[in-house]
Amino acid sequence: MLRPPKPRRPAARAEPRGPGARGGRGPGGGAPRPLIRLQKVLADRGVASRRAAEELMREGRVRVGGEVIREMGSKVPPDARIEVDGRAVAAPAPHRYVVLNKPRGIVSTARDERGRSTVVELIGARERLYPVGRLDEDSEGLVLLTNDGAWAERVLHPRYGHEREYEVSIAGPVPAASVAALRRGIALEEGLARAARVSVAGGARGSTLHMVLQTGWKRQVRRMCAAVGLRVLRLRRVRLGPLELGRLRPGAWRELTTREVRALGET
């Protein structure tokens, strides 16, 4: 869900780091607002890397609330009024969280050097969104997009234990030995790829394999299936952690609800 923008506040003067540095009071004299290093704020707003932002500060090219700031330890509120070379630096866009049912033939990148259609183009967002993880071009299903880097890291990191569930159409029957091998684990370059759960439906003419993984390595499902002699005809990701693809049609997308954002980003 798109978060509403914060109310505008009077610009605050940058404060030096140290025992005397204190956060500004919130509206109505509420809790202090957090202060962040100026070079980090500049980096977060896309001005430059932190190191390059420090050089801009040393050269006297950065102003906060009209005052030139050169001190490396200076801290400002996240919504501070900042100028670089006399031009206002826009505050970062509100965080946005989107789930897309990626169709086959679309690449899971923000840009593609070969001119292929991307998931970001499919959304048509004005903000700078990027996919959370990858789903290869030939695969379909659930893809998340966001501009919240910290949230994306929590969603993807193995320590947070988000399962990935796939629906895989297989040519012909699936032998019991193949299922057992997927459960035991397949040796891949990244390590031992083990299916947490596997179920099979179908028969001689074709089968549907439901596979749940704890990791999201590149083309992992396809490589695991190939290693046990299974030919993949179609692959869809239908769940990531608590979030299910549901009835979202191919090519369609929606904003995540606040509850979904919290559930996926829980630590």
Protein backbone atom coordinates (compact mmCIF):
# COMPACT_ATOMS: atom_id res chain seq x y z
CA MET A 1 0.00 0.00 0.00
CA LEU A 2 1.32 3.45 -0.88
CA ARG A 3 2.11 5.29 2.30
CA PRO A 4 0.78 8.86 2.53
CA PRO A 5 3.48 11.54 2.47
CA LYS A 6 4.52 12.99 5.80
CA PRO A 7 3.28 16.48 6.68
CA ARG A 8 5.72 19.21 5.72
CA ARG A 9 7.78 20.56 8.59
CA PRO A 10 9.97 23.62 8.96
CA ALA A 11 13.51 22.99 7.77
CA ALA A 12 15.91 22.15 10.56
CA ARG A 13 19.52 23.31 10.81
CA ALA A 14 22.10 20.54 10.58
CA GLU A 15 23.50 19.58 13.95
CA PRO A 16 27.04 18.33 14.58
CA ARG A 17 27.57 14.85 15.88
CA GLY A 18 28.55 14.55 19.49
CA PRO A 19 27.21 14.77 23.03
CA GLY A 20 25.40 18.01 22.26
CA ALA A 21 23.60 16.76 19.15
CA ARG A 22 19.88 16.29 19.75
CA GLY A 23 16.96 15.52 17.50
CA GLY A 24 14.42 18.21 16.66
CA ARG A 25 11.05 18.03 18.34
CA GLY A 26 8.17 16.57 16.40
CA PRO A 27 4.93 18.42 15.62
CA GLY A 28 3.27 19.70 18.77
CA GLY A 29 6.42 19.10 20.81
CA GLY A 30 6.21 15.32 20.43
CA ALA A 31 9.00 12.76 20.37
CA PRO A 32 12.32 13.90 18.85
CA ARG A 33 12.75 13.24 15.15
CA PRO A 34 15.70 10.98 14.30
CA LEU A 35 18.77 12.69 12.88
CA ILE A 36 20.77 11.08 10.06
CA ARG A 37 24.23 11.87 8.73
CA LEU A 38 23.97 14.40 5.94
CA GLN A 39 26.04 12.33 3.51
CA LYS A 40 23.67 9.37 3.99
CA VAL A 41 20.63 11.58 3.33
CA LEU A 42 22.28 12.82 0.14
CA ALA A 43 22.98 9.24 -0.93
CA ASP A 44 19.42 8.14 -0.11
CA ARG A 45 18.08 10.95 -2.28
CA GLY A 46 20.20 9.81 -5.21
CA VAL A 47 22.57 12.80 -5.29
CA ALA A 48 25.78 10.78 -5.05
CA SER A 49 27.44 7.97 -3.17
CA ARG A 50 28.27 8.67 0.47
CA ARG A 51 31.92 9.23 -0.35
CA ALA A 52 31.11 11.57 -3.23
CA ALA A 53 28.58 13.38 -1.00
CA GLU A 54 31.32 13.99 1.57
CA GLU A 55 33.43 15.60 -1.15
CA LEU A 56 30.51 17.87 -2.08
CA MET A 57 30.29 18.91 1.57
CA ARG A 58 34.03 19.63 1.83
CA GLU A 59 33.79 21.84 -1.25
CA GLY A 60 31.03 23.90 0.37
CA ARG A 61 28.45 22.95 -2.25
CA VAL A 62 25.82 21.65 0.20
CA ARG A 63 23.38 23.86 2.11
CA VAL A 64 20.84 22.84 4.73
CA GLY A 65 18.17 25.40 5.52
CA GLY A 66 20.26 27.96 3.64
CA GLU A 67 23.45 27.32 5.64
CA VAL A 68 26.59 25.83 4.09
CA ILE A 69 27.50 22.56 5.83
CA ARG A 70 31.07 21.24 5.67
CA GLU A 71 31.35 19.17 8.86
CA MET A 72 31.39 15.43 8.13
CA GLY A 73 29.60 14.57 11.38
CA SER A 74 26.65 16.84 10.67
CA LYS A 75 23.22 15.27 11.07
CA VAL A 76 19.85 16.37 9.72
CA PRO A 77 16.23 15.18 9.83
CA PRO A 78 15.30 12.88 6.92
CA ASP A 79 13.00 15.58 5.51
CA ALA A 80 15.51 18.45 5.78
CA ARG A 81 15.52 21.16 3.09
CA ILE A 82 18.80 20.55 1.25
CA GLU A 83 20.41 22.29 -1.72
CA VAL A 84 23.42 21.22 -3.79
CA ASP A 85 24.99 23.84 -6.05
CA GLY A 86 21.98 26.05 -5.39
CA ARG A 87 19.44 23.46 -6.54
CA ALA A 88 16.93 21.87 -4.19
CA VAL A 89 17.37 18.14 -3.61
CA ALA A 90 13.99 16.42 -3.59
CA ALA A 91 13.05 14.24 -0.65
CA PRO A 92 12.89 10.50 -1.41
CA ALA A 93 9.61 9.16 -2.75
CA PRO A 94 7.31 7.41 -0.26
CA HIS A 95 7.93 3.70 -0.03
CA ARG A 96 5.87 1.59 -2.35
CA TYR A 97 5.24 -2.17 -2.35
CA VAL A 98 3.78 -3.97 -5.38
CA VAL A 99 3.01 -7.61 -6.22
CA LEU A 100 2.95 -8.57 -9.91
CA ASN A 101 1.93 -11.75 -11.70
CA LYS A 102 4.82 -11.80 -14.16
CA PRO A 103 3.96 -13.30 -17.55
CA ARG A 104 6.39 -15.48 -19.47
CA GLY A 105 8.82 -13.52 -21.64
CA ILE A 106 9.21 -10.57 -19.24
CA VAL A 107 12.57 -10.09 -17.50
CA SER A 108 12.84 -9.35 -13.79
CA THR A 109 15.05 -6.27 -14.02
CA ALA A 110 14.58 -2.51 -14.00
CA ARG A 111 16.31 -2.12 -17.39
CA ASP A 112 17.38 -4.57 -20.08
CA GLU A 113 20.31 -3.92 -22.43
CA ARG A 114 18.78 -6.22 -25.05
CA GLY A 115 15.56 -4.22 -25.19
CA ARG A 116 13.32 -6.90 -23.68
CA SER A 117 10.23 -5.90 -21.72
CA THR A 118 10.83 -5.62 -17.97
CA VAL A 119 8.66 -5.98 -14.88
CA VAL A 120 9.22 -2.30 -14.08
CA GLU A 121 7.90 -1.26 -17.49
CA LEU A 122 4.88 -3.48 -16.92
CA ILE A 123 4.06 -1.54 -13.74
CA GLY A 124 4.62 1.83 -15.42
CA ALA A 125 5.59 3.50 -12.15
CA ARG A 126 6.93 7.04 -11.99
CA GLU A 127 9.01 6.14 -8.96
CA ARG A 128 12.22 4.19 -9.20
CA LEU A 129 11.04 0.66 -8.38
CA TYR A 130 13.14 -2.49 -8.60
CA PRO A 131 12.28 -6.18 -8.33
CA VAL A 132 12.83 -8.04 -5.06
CA GLY A 133 14.85 -11.01 -6.29
CA ARG A 134 14.55 -12.58 -9.71
CA LEU A 135 12.24 -14.85 -11.66
CA ASP A 136 13.78 -15.97 -14.95
CA GLU A 137 12.37 -14.88 -18.30
CA ASP A 138 10.76 -18.25 -19.06
CA SER A 139 9.03 -18.46 -15.67
CA GLU A 140 5.81 -16.87 -14.47
CA GLY A 141 4.16 -15.79 -11.28
CA LEU A 142 4.69 -13.79 -8.14
CA VAL A 143 7.24 -10.96 -8.24
CA LEU A 144 7.56 -8.15 -5.70
CA LEU A 145 8.71 -4.63 -6.56
CA THR A 146 9.61 -1.84 -4.16
CA ASN A 147 11.80 1.21 -3.53
CA ASP A 148 12.45 0.19 0.08
CA GLY A 149 15.89 -1.42 0.12
CA ALA A 150 15.89 -2.43 3.79
CA TRP A 151 12.52 -4.16 3.42
CA ALA A 152 13.65 -5.97 0.26
CA GLU A 153 16.72 -7.28 2.09
CA ARG A 154 14.60 -8.68 4.91
CA VAL A 155 12.25 -10.38 2.44
CA LEU A 156 15.10 -12.11 0.60
CA HIS A 157 17.56 -12.97 3.36
CA PRO A 158 17.55 -16.67 4.33
CA ARG A 159 17.67 -15.82 8.04
CA TYR A 160 14.05 -14.62 7.85
CA GLY A 161 12.91 -17.96 6.44
CA HIS A 162 10.46 -16.90 3.72
CA GLU A 163 9.46 -19.99 1.75
CA ARG A 164 9.08 -19.93 -2.03
CA GLU A 165 6.42 -22.18 -3.51
CA TYR A 166 6.38 -23.18 -7.17
CA GLU A 167 3.87 -24.93 -9.41
CA VAL A 168 5.78 -26.88 -12.06
CA SER A 169 4.27 -28.61 -15.10
CA ILE A 170 6.33 -31.70 -15.97
CA ALA A 171 6.34 -33.76 -19.16
CA GLY A 172 5.21 -37.29 -18.33
CA PRO A 173 5.09 -38.98 -14.93
CA VAL A 174 7.28 -38.07 -11.95
CA PRO A 175 9.03 -41.16 -10.55
CA ALA A 176 9.05 -41.65 -6.79
CA ALA A 177 12.86 -41.78 -6.94
CA SER A 178 12.95 -38.24 -8.39
CA VAL A 179 10.74 -36.93 -5.61
CA ALA A 180 12.94 -38.62 -3.00
CA ALA A 181 16.06 -37.07 -4.54
CA LEU A 182 14.53 -33.59 -4.48
CA ARG A 183 13.76 -34.03 -0.79
CA ARG A 184 17.27 -35.33 0.02
CA GLY A 185 18.88 -32.47 -1.84
CA ILE A 186 20.62 -31.79 -5.15
CA ALA A 187 24.25 -30.64 -5.22
CA LEU A 188 24.38 -27.32 -7.08
CA GLU A 189 27.18 -24.80 -7.43
CA GLU A 190 25.78 -22.67 -4.59
CA GLY A 191 25.37 -25.63 -2.23
CA LEU A 192 22.87 -28.38 -1.44
CA ALA A 193 19.46 -27.49 -2.89
CA ARG A 194 16.80 -29.29 -0.89
CA ALA A 195 13.03 -29.11 -1.35
CA ALA A 196 11.33 -28.50 2.00
CA ARG A 197 8.13 -30.06 0.63
CA VAL A 198 7.19 -31.79 -2.63
CA SER A 199 3.84 -33.07 -3.87
CA VAL A 200 2.85 -34.56 -7.23
CA ALA A 201 -0.44 -34.77 -9.12
CA GLY A 202 -1.12 -36.20 -12.58
CA GLY A 203 -0.06 -39.27 -14.50
CA ALA A 204 1.53 -40.64 -17.66
CA ARG A 205 0.57 -37.75 -19.98
CA GLY A 206 1.83 -35.02 -17.66
CA SER A 207 2.30 -34.10 -14.02
CA THR A 208 2.11 -31.06 -11.78
CA LEU A 209 4.81 -30.73 -9.16
CA HIS A 210 4.39 -28.43 -6.18
CA MET A 211 7.77 -27.62 -4.68
CA VAL A 212 8.58 -25.45 -1.63
CA LEU A 213 12.12 -24.05 -1.26
CA GLN A 214 13.88 -22.03 1.42
CA THR A 215 16.38 -20.49 -1.02
CA GLY A 216 15.99 -18.57 -4.27
CA TRP A 217 19.08 -19.35 -6.30
CA LYS A 218 19.21 -18.60 -10.02
CA ARG A 219 17.02 -21.02 -12.00
CA GLN A 220 17.09 -23.29 -8.96
CA VAL A 221 13.86 -25.20 -9.66
CA ARG A 222 14.79 -25.87 -13.27
CA ARG A 223 18.28 -27.07 -12.36
CA MET A 224 16.95 -29.33 -9.60
CA CYS A 225 14.39 -30.88 -11.94
CA ALA A 226 16.95 -31.39 -14.70
CA ALA A 227 19.27 -33.14 -12.23
CA VAL A 228 16.62 -35.80 -11.49
CA GLY A 229 15.55 -36.27 -15.11
CA LEU A 230 12.40 -34.12 -15.16
CA ARG A 231 11.56 -31.89 -18.14
CA VAL A 232 9.90 -28.62 -17.12
CA LEU A 233 7.14 -27.37 -19.42
CA ARG A 234 5.92 -24.46 -17.30
CA LEU A 235 7.00 -22.92 -14.02
CA ARG A 236 5.01 -20.52 -11.83
CA ARG A 237 5.87 -19.03 -8.45
CA VAL A 238 2.62 -19.05 -6.51
CA ARG A 239 3.73 -18.02 -3.01
CA LEU A 240 6.46 -16.08 -1.22
CA GLY A 241 6.33 -16.43 2.57
CA PRO A 242 2.80 -15.56 3.71
CA LEU A 243 1.91 -13.89 0.40
CA GLU A 244 0.01 -15.96 -2.19
CA LEU A 245 -0.45 -15.07 -5.85
CA GLY A 246 -4.15 -15.90 -5.61
CA ARG A 247 -6.37 -14.85 -8.51
CA LEU A 248 -4.13 -12.10 -9.83
CA ARG A 249 -4.18 -12.57 -13.60
CA PRO A 250 -0.96 -12.66 -15.70
CA GLY A 251 0.37 -9.14 -16.26
CA ALA A 252 -1.79 -7.66 -13.49
CA TRP A 253 -0.43 -6.10 -10.30
CA ARG A 254 -1.64 -4.51 -7.08
CA GLU A 255 -0.32 -2.63 -4.08
CA LEU A 256 0.40 -4.73 -1.02
CA THR A 257 -1.74 -4.05 2.03
CA THR A 258 -0.16 -2.68 5.18
CA ARG A 259 -0.63 -6.08 6.82
CA GLU A 260 1.13 -7.86 3.94
CA VAL A 261 4.04 -5.42 4.00
CA ARG A 262 4.49 -5.99 7.73
CA ALA A 263 4.18 -9.78 7.46
CA LEU A 264 6.84 -10.01 4.74
CA GLY A 265 9.19 -7.57 6.47
CA GLU A 266 8.92 -9.00 9.97
CA THR A 267 12.23 -9.75 11.62
